[in-house]
Amino acid sequence: MSAAPDRRLNAYRADLADSRLRGVVDAAAYVTSRPAAIVAPVSNVHARPDRASECASQALYGETVSVFEEKDGWLWVQCDADDYVGYVAAEDVAERQAEPTHIVTVPRTFLYDGADLRHRVEATLSMGSRLKMTGTTETRGTQYAMTQDGFALIANHVAPLDYRADDYVDVAGRFLETPYLWGGRSGFGLDCSGLVQLAVMMAGAKAPRDTDMQAAGVGDAVDPGPDYGELRRGDLVFWKGHVAIMSDRETILHASGHTMMVTEEPLADAVSRIAHLYGSPTGFRRPKFQ
């Protein structure tokens, strides 16, 4: 008997399922999704339609989702960025907006109600947020990028949508001391796999959302060699339920539940410390970028 599709990546319940899963899963009804976009700075993706339920992931401003159901103030969605399925607050979502042209490239930035840093801040956006920009303007020597709605961001905080960072490890390093947040994948809080996913995305590749998915499918498996001596910058180190990035041949960068923030530490220290709870590393992978 074949395994059931992963519910994290496939929208199906006993009463309702994505129409693309007809004949794959049993459900009382099937529905074709409708497109929508995230209009909150960050929208928590919950495991159930309940704010007290686990925040399994997050969707960022301007990212798109496929909506299967709206009920009692909640939307059951699949995030187009990584296929993750869950529930988001209906107030965080609107009908799909104009196609974005730019992406935020700094860890955090402000969206002002006009082209002036003294103006009211309408929102604080994370790296990876997407917006449609219509041009630039200058105020007292500062360049602002303008949205179609007249809002403004610092111009050098955004780049065209085809932006690609040169080194994903450098991107991850910009989040040092960002708080650890279970389910977090934004500049306001990150979990271990969220840090990897966001940094890899900014370098032009894709990584799945959760640690086990990344361990199974990011780049190529590598042999760490004796005492991990064959690992190099950018390699991923996996434990049961955790992932870290090699920032050099001896040091890892990760969103750590031990320090409760993104931190660097010697790999040897992490291996020793984590062994008491989760054993030794379970795998090593090298992401691939085109």
C-alpha atoms as a PDB file:
ATOM      1  CA  MET A   1       0.000   0.000   0.000  1.00  0.00           C
ATOM      2  CA  SER A   2       1.428   3.380  -0.965  1.00  0.00           C
ATOM      3  CA  ALA A   3       1.941   5.987   1.728  1.00  0.00           C
ATOM      4  CA  ALA A   4      -0.659   8.719   2.061  1.00  0.00           C
ATOM      5  CA  PRO A   5       0.387  12.108   0.673  1.00  0.00           C
ATOM      6  CA  ASP A   6       2.073  14.396   3.193  1.00  0.00           C
ATOM      7  CA  ARG A   7      -0.676  16.555   4.694  1.00  0.00           C
ATOM      8  CA  ARG A   8       1.788  19.401   5.155  1.00  0.00           C
ATOM      9  CA  LEU A   9       2.128  19.637   1.377  1.00  0.00           C
ATOM     10  CA  ASN A  10      -1.251  18.384   0.176  1.00  0.00           C
ATOM     11  CA  ALA A  11      -4.603  19.921   1.074  1.00  0.00           C
ATOM     12  CA  TYR A  12      -6.963  17.165   2.093  1.00  0.00           C
ATOM     13  CA  ARG A  13      -9.258  16.308   4.980  1.00  0.00           C
ATOM     14  CA  ALA A  14     -12.056  13.772   5.315  1.00  0.00           C
ATOM     15  CA  ASP A  15     -14.635  16.390   4.326  1.00  0.00           C
ATOM     16  CA  LEU A  16     -12.731  18.414   1.712  1.00  0.00           C
ATOM     17  CA  ALA A  17      -9.720  18.119  -0.568  1.00  0.00           C
ATOM     18  CA  ASP A  18      -7.891  19.900  -3.352  1.00  0.00           C
ATOM     19  CA  SER A  19      -9.489  18.879  -6.654  1.00  0.00           C
ATOM     20  CA  ARG A  20      -6.030  17.930  -7.954  1.00  0.00           C
ATOM     21  CA  LEU A  21      -6.049  15.087  -5.413  1.00  0.00           C
ATOM     22  CA  ARG A  22      -9.195  13.474  -6.787  1.00  0.00           C
ATOM     23  CA  GLY A  23      -8.422   9.791  -7.225  1.00  0.00           C
ATOM     24  CA  VAL A  24      -5.425  10.076  -4.884  1.00  0.00           C
ATOM     25  CA  VAL A  25      -7.195  10.662  -1.573  1.00  0.00           C
ATOM     26  CA  ASP A  26     -10.755  10.054  -0.396  1.00  0.00           C
ATOM     27  CA  ALA A  27     -12.805  13.087   0.640  1.00  0.00           C
ATOM     28  CA  ALA A  28     -16.490  13.934   0.830  1.00  0.00           C
ATOM     29  CA  ALA A  29     -15.972  16.831  -1.573  1.00  0.00           C
ATOM     30  CA  TYR A  30     -13.267  18.303  -3.771  1.00  0.00           C
ATOM     31  CA  VAL A  31     -12.699  21.983  -4.509  1.00  0.00           C
ATOM     32  CA  THR A  32     -10.650  24.042  -6.945  1.00  0.00           C
ATOM     33  CA  SER A  33      -8.654  26.697  -5.133  1.00  0.00           C
ATOM     34  CA  ARG A  34      -8.827  30.438  -5.762  1.00  0.00           C
ATOM     35  CA  PRO A  35      -5.777  32.712  -5.755  1.00  0.00           C
ATOM     36  CA  ALA A  36      -5.130  35.300  -3.040  1.00  0.00           C
ATOM     37  CA  ALA A  37      -2.267  37.289  -1.556  1.00  0.00           C
ATOM     38  CA  ILE A  38      -0.944  37.957   1.944  1.00  0.00           C
ATOM     39  CA  VAL A  39      -1.523  41.582   2.978  1.00  0.00           C
ATOM     40  CA  ALA A  40      -0.301  41.343   6.581  1.00  0.00           C
ATOM     41  CA  PRO A  41       3.419  41.869   7.274  1.00  0.00           C
ATOM     42  CA  VAL A  42       3.545  38.243   8.445  1.00  0.00           C
ATOM     43  CA  SER A  43       0.677  35.770   8.586  1.00  0.00           C
ATOM     44  CA  ASN A  44       0.951  32.775  10.893  1.00  0.00           C
ATOM     45  CA  VAL A  45       0.082  29.470   9.245  1.00  0.00           C
ATOM     46  CA  HIS A  46      -1.667  27.416  11.909  1.00  0.00           C
ATOM     47  CA  ALA A  47      -2.174  23.688  12.135  1.00  0.00           C
ATOM     48  CA  ARG A  48      -5.863  24.254  12.945  1.00  0.00           C
ATOM     49  CA  PRO A  49      -8.274  27.182  12.570  1.00  0.00           C
ATOM     50  CA  ASP A  50      -7.543  28.382  16.093  1.00  0.00           C
ATOM     51  CA  ARG A  51      -5.082  31.090  17.201  1.00  0.00           C
ATOM     52  CA  ALA A  52      -4.125  28.880  20.130  1.00  0.00           C
ATOM     53  CA  SER A  53      -3.058  26.070  17.810  1.00  0.00           C
ATOM     54  CA  GLU A  54       0.516  25.494  16.707  1.00  0.00           C
ATOM     55  CA  CYS A  55       2.021  28.040  14.331  1.00  0.00           C
ATOM     56  CA  ALA A  56       3.569  25.625  11.854  1.00  0.00           C
ATOM     57  CA  SER A  57       4.913  28.222   9.437  1.00  0.00           C
ATOM     58  CA  GLN A  58       4.434  31.779   8.196  1.00  0.00           C
ATOM     59  CA  ALA A  59       3.605  33.571   4.959  1.00  0.00           C
ATOM     60  CA  LEU A  60       5.145  36.959   4.146  1.00  0.00           C
ATOM     61  CA  TYR A  61       3.642  40.155   2.785  1.00  0.00           C
ATOM     62  CA  GLY A  62       2.972  39.852  -0.937  1.00  0.00           C
ATOM     63  CA  GLU A  63       3.363  36.080  -1.096  1.00  0.00           C
ATOM     64  CA  THR A  64       0.501  34.272  -2.753  1.00  0.00           C
ATOM     65  CA  VAL A  65      -1.666  31.454  -1.478  1.00  0.00           C
ATOM     66  CA  SER A  66      -4.248  29.094  -2.909  1.00  0.00           C
ATOM     67  CA  VAL A  67      -7.492  29.204  -0.898  1.00  0.00           C
ATOM     68  CA  PHE A  68      -9.625  26.087  -0.520  1.00  0.00           C
ATOM     69  CA  GLU A  69     -12.080  27.162   2.180  1.00  0.00           C
ATOM     70  CA  GLU A  70     -13.199  30.240   4.115  1.00  0.00           C
ATOM     71  CA  LYS A  71     -15.020  29.650   7.363  1.00  0.00           C
ATOM     72  CA  ASP A  72     -15.436  31.484  10.686  1.00  0.00           C
ATOM     73  CA  GLY A  73     -12.714  34.021   9.946  1.00  0.00           C
ATOM     74  CA  TRP A  74     -10.164  31.464   8.753  1.00  0.00           C
ATOM     75  CA  LEU A  75      -8.865  30.425   5.364  1.00  0.00           C
ATOM     76  CA  TRP A  76      -7.562  26.963   4.608  1.00  0.00           C
ATOM     77  CA  VAL A  77      -4.705  27.589   2.195  1.00  0.00           C
ATOM     78  CA  GLN A  78      -1.652  26.239   0.460  1.00  0.00           C
ATOM     79  CA  CYS A  79       1.296  28.642   0.352  1.00  0.00           C
ATOM     80  CA  ASP A  80       2.584  28.989  -3.187  1.00  0.00           C
ATOM     81  CA  ALA A  81       6.152  29.691  -2.026  1.00  0.00           C
ATOM     82  CA  ASP A  82       6.693  26.227  -0.550  1.00  0.00           C
ATOM     83  CA  ASP A  83       3.385  24.310  -0.921  1.00  0.00           C
ATOM     84  CA  TYR A  84       2.815  24.364   2.843  1.00  0.00           C
ATOM     85  CA  VAL A  85      -0.804  23.799   3.911  1.00  0.00           C
ATOM     86  CA  GLY A  86      -2.519  25.339   6.915  1.00  0.00           C
ATOM     87  CA  TYR A  87      -4.921  27.929   8.236  1.00  0.00           C
ATOM     88  CA  VAL A  88      -4.411  31.697   8.131  1.00  0.00           C
ATOM     89  CA  ALA A  89      -6.590  34.495   9.479  1.00  0.00           C
ATOM     90  CA  ALA A  90      -8.923  35.752   6.763  1.00  0.00           C
ATOM     91  CA  GLU A  91      -8.037  39.348   7.638  1.00  0.00           C
ATOM     92  CA  ASP A  92      -4.432  38.677   6.564  1.00  0.00           C
ATOM     93  CA  VAL A  93      -5.450  37.839   2.993  1.00  0.00           C
ATOM     94  CA  ALA A  94      -6.960  39.725   0.055  1.00  0.00           C
ATOM     95  CA  GLU A  95      -7.814  38.884  -3.502  1.00  0.00           C
ATOM     96  CA  ARG A  96      -4.611  38.582  -5.501  1.00  0.00           C
ATOM     97  CA  GLN A  97      -3.044  42.012  -5.920  1.00  0.00           C
ATOM     98  CA  ALA A  98      -1.084  43.454  -8.841  1.00  0.00           C
ATOM     99  CA  GLU A  99       1.920  41.320  -9.670  1.00  0.00           C
ATOM    100  CA  PRO A 100       4.866  42.292  -7.453  1.00  0.00           C
ATOM    101  CA  THR A 101       7.950  43.808  -9.037  1.00  0.00           C
ATOM    102  CA  HIS A 102      10.337  44.009  -6.067  1.00  0.00           C
ATOM    103  CA  ILE A 103      11.438  42.035  -3.032  1.00  0.00           C
ATOM    104  CA  VAL A 104      12.719  43.259   0.338  1.00  0.00           C
ATOM    105  CA  THR A 105      16.416  42.367   0.635  1.00  0.00           C
ATOM    106  CA  VAL A 106      17.225  43.554   4.177  1.00  0.00           C
ATOM    107  CA  PRO A 107      16.204  41.687   7.341  1.00  0.00           C
ATOM    108  CA  ARG A 108      13.544  44.290   8.235  1.00  0.00           C
ATOM    109  CA  THR A 109      12.337  47.584   6.787  1.00  0.00           C
ATOM    110  CA  PHE A 110       9.598  50.170   7.293  1.00  0.00           C
ATOM    111  CA  LEU A 111       6.715  50.930   4.956  1.00  0.00           C
ATOM    112  CA  TYR A 112       5.970  54.661   5.337  1.00  0.00           C
ATOM    113  CA  ASP A 113       2.781  56.465   4.369  1.00  0.00           C
ATOM    114  CA  GLY A 114       4.862  58.797   2.208  1.00  0.00           C
ATOM    115  CA  ALA A 115       8.386  59.438   0.980  1.00  0.00           C
ATOM    116  CA  ASP A 116       9.765  60.789   4.228  1.00  0.00           C
ATOM    117  CA  LEU A 117      11.375  58.944   7.123  1.00  0.00           C
ATOM    118  CA  ARG A 118       9.490  61.261   9.494  1.00  0.00           C
ATOM    119  CA  HIS A 119       6.143  60.007   8.223  1.00  0.00           C
ATOM    120  CA  ARG A 120       3.972  57.453   9.943  1.00  0.00           C
ATOM    121  CA  VAL A 121       5.100  53.841   9.653  1.00  0.00           C
ATOM    122  CA  GLU A 122       2.299  51.802   8.121  1.00  0.00           C
ATOM    123  CA  ALA A 123       3.997  48.421   8.563  1.00  0.00           C
ATOM    124  CA  THR A 124       7.304  46.739   9.233  1.00  0.00           C
ATOM    125  CA  LEU A 125       8.206  44.219   6.560  1.00  0.00           C
ATOM    126  CA  SER A 126      10.572  41.258   6.537  1.00  0.00           C
ATOM    127  CA  MET A 127      13.153  40.213   4.036  1.00  0.00           C
ATOM    128  CA  GLY A 128      11.357  38.257   1.339  1.00  0.00           C
ATOM    129  CA  SER A 129       8.260  40.471   1.316  1.00  0.00           C
ATOM    130  CA  ARG A 130       7.045  41.328  -2.180  1.00  0.00           C
ATOM    131  CA  LEU A 131       5.589  44.581  -3.482  1.00  0.00           C
ATOM    132  CA  LYS A 132       4.680  46.311  -6.707  1.00  0.00           C
ATOM    133  CA  MET A 133       6.824  49.439  -7.025  1.00  0.00           C
ATOM    134  CA  THR A 134       5.976  52.206  -9.491  1.00  0.00           C
ATOM    135  CA  GLY A 135       9.055  54.422  -9.291  1.00  0.00           C
ATOM    136  CA  THR A 136      11.390  56.320  -6.987  1.00  0.00           C
ATOM    137  CA  THR A 137      11.497  59.761  -5.454  1.00  0.00           C
ATOM    138  CA  GLU A 138      13.961  61.681  -3.326  1.00  0.00           C
ATOM    139  CA  THR A 139      13.443  63.522  -0.056  1.00  0.00           C
ATOM    140  CA  ARG A 140      16.349  65.394   1.560  1.00  0.00           C
ATOM    141  CA  GLY A 141      18.841  63.243  -0.319  1.00  0.00           C
ATOM    142  CA  THR A 142      17.250  59.890   0.545  1.00  0.00           C
ATOM    143  CA  GLN A 143      15.866  57.754  -2.250  1.00  0.00           C
ATOM    144  CA  TYR A 144      12.485  56.100  -1.684  1.00  0.00           C
ATOM    145  CA  ALA A 145      10.807  53.376  -3.717  1.00  0.00           C
ATOM    146  CA  MET A 146       7.107  54.082  -4.145  1.00  0.00           C
ATOM    147  CA  THR A 147       4.271  51.568  -4.203  1.00  0.00           C
ATOM    148  CA  GLN A 148       1.198  51.872  -6.387  1.00  0.00           C
ATOM    149  CA  ASP A 149      -0.744  52.961  -3.274  1.00  0.00           C
ATOM    150  CA  GLY A 150       1.595  55.841  -2.470  1.00  0.00           C
ATOM    151  CA  PHE A 151       3.493  54.105   0.313  1.00  0.00           C
ATOM    152  CA  ALA A 152       7.276  54.308   0.449  1.00  0.00           C
ATOM    153  CA  LEU A 153      10.278  52.201   1.415  1.00  0.00           C
ATOM    154  CA  ILE A 154      13.951  53.068   1.521  1.00  0.00           C
ATOM    155  CA  ALA A 155      14.970  52.380  -2.072  1.00  0.00           C
ATOM    156  CA  ASN A 156      18.114  50.389  -1.287  1.00  0.00           C
ATOM    157  CA  HIS A 157      16.077  48.056   0.950  1.00  0.00           C
ATOM    158  CA  VAL A 158      14.361  46.515  -2.083  1.00  0.00           C
ATOM    159  CA  ALA A 159      15.498  45.059  -5.389  1.00  0.00           C
ATOM    160  CA  PRO A 160      13.802  43.776  -8.550  1.00  0.00           C
ATOM    161  CA  LEU A 161      12.091  40.454  -8.132  1.00  0.00           C
ATOM    162  CA  ASP A 162      14.851  38.609  -9.978  1.00  0.00           C
ATOM    163  CA  TYR A 163      17.371  39.600  -7.278  1.00  0.00           C
ATOM    164  CA  ARG A 164      19.787  36.843  -6.265  1.00  0.00           C
ATOM    165  CA  ALA A 165      22.148  37.100  -3.298  1.00  0.00           C
ATOM    166  CA  ASP A 166      25.690  35.948  -4.046  1.00  0.00           C
ATOM    167  CA  ASP A 167      26.087  33.829  -0.888  1.00  0.00           C
ATOM    168  CA  TYR A 168      23.219  32.362   1.081  1.00  0.00           C
ATOM    169  CA  VAL A 169      25.419  31.978   4.161  1.00  0.00           C
ATOM    170  CA  ASP A 170      25.977  35.736   4.165  1.00  0.00           C
ATOM    171  CA  VAL A 171      22.208  36.183   4.022  1.00  0.00           C
ATOM    172  CA  ALA A 172      21.707  33.863   6.992  1.00  0.00           C
ATOM    173  CA  GLY A 173      24.426  35.688   8.913  1.00  0.00           C
ATOM    174  CA  ARG A 174      22.483  38.935   8.687  1.00  0.00           C
ATOM    175  CA  PHE A 175      19.952  37.415  11.076  1.00  0.00           C
ATOM    176  CA  LEU A 176      22.386  36.861  13.956  1.00  0.00           C
ATOM    177  CA  GLU A 177      20.623  37.474  17.291  1.00  0.00           C
ATOM    178  CA  THR A 178      17.186  37.388  15.669  1.00  0.00           C
ATOM    179  CA  PRO A 179      14.892  35.670  18.198  1.00  0.00           C
ATOM    180  CA  TYR A 180      14.128  31.994  17.801  1.00  0.00           C
ATOM    181  CA  LEU A 181      10.453  31.475  16.963  1.00  0.00           C
ATOM    182  CA  TRP A 182       8.816  28.116  16.416  1.00  0.00           C
ATOM    183  CA  GLY A 183       7.337  28.215  12.921  1.00  0.00           C
ATOM    184  CA  GLY A 184       9.088  31.500  12.144  1.00  0.00           C
ATOM    185  CA  ARG A 185      10.380  32.290   8.666  1.00  0.00           C
ATOM    186  CA  SER A 186      10.668  36.085   8.818  1.00  0.00           C
ATOM    187  CA  GLY A 187      13.100  38.737   9.992  1.00  0.00           C
ATOM    188  CA  PHE A 188      11.101  39.047  13.214  1.00  0.00           C
ATOM    189  CA  GLY A 189      11.661  35.468  14.327  1.00  0.00           C
ATOM    190  CA  LEU A 190      13.046  32.274  12.823  1.00  0.00           C
ATOM    191  CA  ASP A 191      13.208  28.595  13.516  1.00  0.00           C
ATOM    192  CA  CYS A 192      16.095  26.500  12.240  1.00  0.00           C
ATOM    193  CA  SER A 193      14.532  25.376   8.969  1.00  0.00           C
ATOM    194  CA  GLY A 194      12.950  28.796   8.424  1.00  0.00           C
ATOM    195  CA  LEU A 195      16.398  30.402   8.502  1.00  0.00           C
ATOM    196  CA  VAL A 196      17.666  27.940   5.910  1.00  0.00           C
ATOM    197  CA  GLN A 197      14.595  28.330   3.706  1.00  0.00           C
ATOM    198  CA  LEU A 198      14.648  32.138   3.723  1.00  0.00           C
ATOM    199  CA  ALA A 199      18.397  32.413   3.090  1.00  0.00           C
ATOM    200  CA  VAL A 200      18.315  29.849   0.281  1.00  0.00           C
ATOM    201  CA  MET A 201      15.324  31.597  -1.298  1.00  0.00           C
ATOM    202  CA  MET A 202      17.137  34.935  -1.337  1.00  0.00           C
ATOM    203  CA  ALA A 203      20.000  33.263  -3.207  1.00  0.00           C
ATOM    204  CA  GLY A 204      17.653  32.089  -5.943  1.00  0.00           C
ATOM    205  CA  ALA A 205      16.901  28.490  -4.983  1.00  0.00           C
ATOM    206  CA  LYS A 206      14.091  26.738  -3.162  1.00  0.00           C
ATOM    207  CA  ALA A 207      14.132  24.736   0.038  1.00  0.00           C
ATOM    208  CA  PRO A 208      11.159  22.950   1.572  1.00  0.00           C
ATOM    209  CA  ARG A 209       9.773  24.191   4.856  1.00  0.00           C
ATOM    210  CA  ASP A 210      10.524  21.591   7.527  1.00  0.00           C
ATOM    211  CA  THR A 211      13.775  20.022   8.660  1.00  0.00           C
ATOM    212  CA  ASP A 212      12.891  16.478   7.614  1.00  0.00           C
ATOM    213  CA  MET A 213      11.940  17.719   4.142  1.00  0.00           C
ATOM    214  CA  GLN A 214      15.217  19.608   3.828  1.00  0.00           C
ATOM    215  CA  ALA A 215      17.186  16.582   5.019  1.00  0.00           C
ATOM    216  CA  ALA A 216      15.550  14.506   2.292  1.00  0.00           C
ATOM    217  CA  GLY A 217      15.757  16.895  -0.605  1.00  0.00           C
ATOM    218  CA  VAL A 218      18.009  19.962  -0.441  1.00  0.00           C
ATOM    219  CA  GLY A 219      20.938  19.734  -2.834  1.00  0.00           C
ATOM    220  CA  ASP A 220      23.157  16.693  -2.582  1.00  0.00           C
ATOM    221  CA  ALA A 221      24.127  14.450   0.306  1.00  0.00           C
ATOM    222  CA  VAL A 222      27.775  14.822   1.328  1.00  0.00           C
ATOM    223  CA  ASP A 223      30.223  12.707   3.300  1.00  0.00           C
ATOM    224  CA  PRO A 224      31.418  14.769   6.281  1.00  0.00           C
ATOM    225  CA  GLY A 225      34.668  12.794   6.577  1.00  0.00           C
ATOM    226  CA  PRO A 226      36.502  11.959   9.810  1.00  0.00           C
ATOM    227  CA  ASP A 227      35.674  14.441  12.566  1.00  0.00           C
ATOM    228  CA  TYR A 228      33.538  16.341  10.016  1.00  0.00           C
ATOM    229  CA  GLY A 229      36.695  17.533   8.305  1.00  0.00           C
ATOM    230  CA  GLU A 230      35.265  17.391   4.779  1.00  0.00           C
ATOM    231  CA  LEU A 231      32.440  19.836   5.488  1.00  0.00           C
ATOM    232  CA  ARG A 232      32.716  23.296   3.982  1.00  0.00           C
ATOM    233  CA  ARG A 233      31.010  26.663   4.163  1.00  0.00           C
ATOM    234  CA  GLY A 234      27.354  26.393   3.187  1.00  0.00           C
ATOM    235  CA  ASP A 235      26.915  22.716   3.986  1.00  0.00           C
ATOM    236  CA  LEU A 236      23.894  21.774   6.074  1.00  0.00           C
ATOM    237  CA  VAL A 237      24.175  19.630   9.192  1.00  0.00           C
ATOM    238  CA  PHE A 238      21.049  17.777  10.308  1.00  0.00           C
ATOM    239  CA  TRP A 239      20.026  16.313  13.609  1.00  0.00           C
ATOM    240  CA  LYS A 240      16.655  14.816  14.452  1.00  0.00           C
ATOM    241  CA  GLY A 241      14.425  17.875  14.205  1.00  0.00           C
ATOM    242  CA  HIS A 242      17.205  20.415  13.693  1.00  0.00           C
ATOM    243  CA  VAL A 243      19.394  21.903  10.970  1.00  0.00           C
ATOM    244  CA  ALA A 244      22.423  24.191  10.983  1.00  0.00           C
ATOM    245  CA  ILE A 245      24.529  25.913   8.312  1.00  0.00           C
ATOM    246  CA  MET A 246      28.292  25.615   8.212  1.00  0.00           C
ATOM    247  CA  SER A 247      29.604  29.196   8.236  1.00  0.00           C
ATOM    248  CA  ASP A 248      33.161  27.906   7.928  1.00  0.00           C
ATOM    249  CA  ARG A 249      34.815  24.514   8.286  1.00  0.00           C
ATOM    250  CA  GLU A 250      34.458  24.460  12.077  1.00  0.00           C
ATOM    251  CA  THR A 251      31.523  26.758  12.907  1.00  0.00           C
ATOM    252  CA  ILE A 252      27.771  26.519  12.471  1.00  0.00           C
ATOM    253  CA  LEU A 253      25.125  29.214  12.139  1.00  0.00           C
ATOM    254  CA  HIS A 254      21.621  28.269  13.227  1.00  0.00           C
ATOM    255  CA  ALA A 255      18.391  29.353  14.865  1.00  0.00           C
ATOM    256  CA  SER A 256      19.019  27.702  18.194  1.00  0.00           C
ATOM    257  CA  GLY A 257      16.469  26.618  20.734  1.00  0.00           C
ATOM    258  CA  HIS A 258      19.350  26.570  23.216  1.00  0.00           C
ATOM    259  CA  THR A 259      20.193  30.275  22.971  1.00  0.00           C
ATOM    260  CA  MET A 260      16.706  31.153  21.666  1.00  0.00           C
ATOM    261  CA  MET A 261      18.175  33.211  18.841  1.00  0.00           C
ATOM    262  CA  VAL A 262      20.154  32.860  15.650  1.00  0.00           C
ATOM    263  CA  THR A 263      23.677  32.176  16.808  1.00  0.00           C
ATOM    264  CA  GLU A 264      27.100  30.875  15.812  1.00  0.00           C
ATOM    265  CA  GLU A 265      29.021  28.228  17.705  1.00  0.00           C
ATOM    266  CA  PRO A 266      31.702  25.617  17.042  1.00  0.00           C
ATOM    267  CA  LEU A 267      30.278  22.510  15.405  1.00  0.00           C
ATOM    268  CA  ALA A 268      32.099  20.306  17.913  1.00  0.00           C
ATOM    269  CA  ASP A 269      30.404  22.100  20.820  1.00  0.00           C
ATOM    270  CA  ALA A 270      26.979  21.741  19.217  1.00  0.00           C
ATOM    271  CA  VAL A 271      27.493  18.043  18.481  1.00  0.00           C
ATOM    272  CA  SER A 272      28.466  17.405  22.103  1.00  0.00           C
ATOM    273  CA  ARG A 273      25.636  19.464  23.568  1.00  0.00           C
ATOM    274  CA  ILE A 274      22.874  18.166  21.301  1.00  0.00           C
ATOM    275  CA  ALA A 275      23.928  14.519  21.707  1.00  0.00           C
ATOM    276  CA  HIS A 276      22.439  14.389  25.194  1.00  0.00           C
ATOM    277  CA  LEU A 277      18.969  15.136  23.813  1.00  0.00           C
ATOM    278  CA  TYR A 278      18.810  14.099  20.170  1.00  0.00           C
ATOM    279  CA  GLY A 279      21.898  12.047  19.406  1.00  0.00           C
ATOM    280  CA  SER A 280      24.522  12.654  16.752  1.00  0.00           C
ATOM    281  CA  PRO A 281      24.011  14.388  13.392  1.00  0.00           C
ATOM    282  CA  THR A 282      21.859  12.330  11.049  1.00  0.00           C
ATOM    283  CA  GLY A 283      22.882  13.764   7.690  1.00  0.00           C
ATOM    284  CA  PHE A 284      24.764  16.382   5.706  1.00  0.00           C
ATOM    285  CA  ARG A 285      23.733  18.127   2.509  1.00  0.00           C
ATOM    286  CA  ARG A 286      25.164  20.734   0.139  1.00  0.00           C
ATOM    287  CA  PRO A 287      22.582  23.118  -1.392  1.00  0.00           C
ATOM    288  CA  LYS A 288      22.746  23.726  -5.130  1.00  0.00           C
ATOM    289  CA  PHE A 289      22.331  27.071  -6.859  1.00  0.00           C
ATOM    290  CA  GLN A 290      22.134  27.761 -10.577  1.00  0.00           C
END
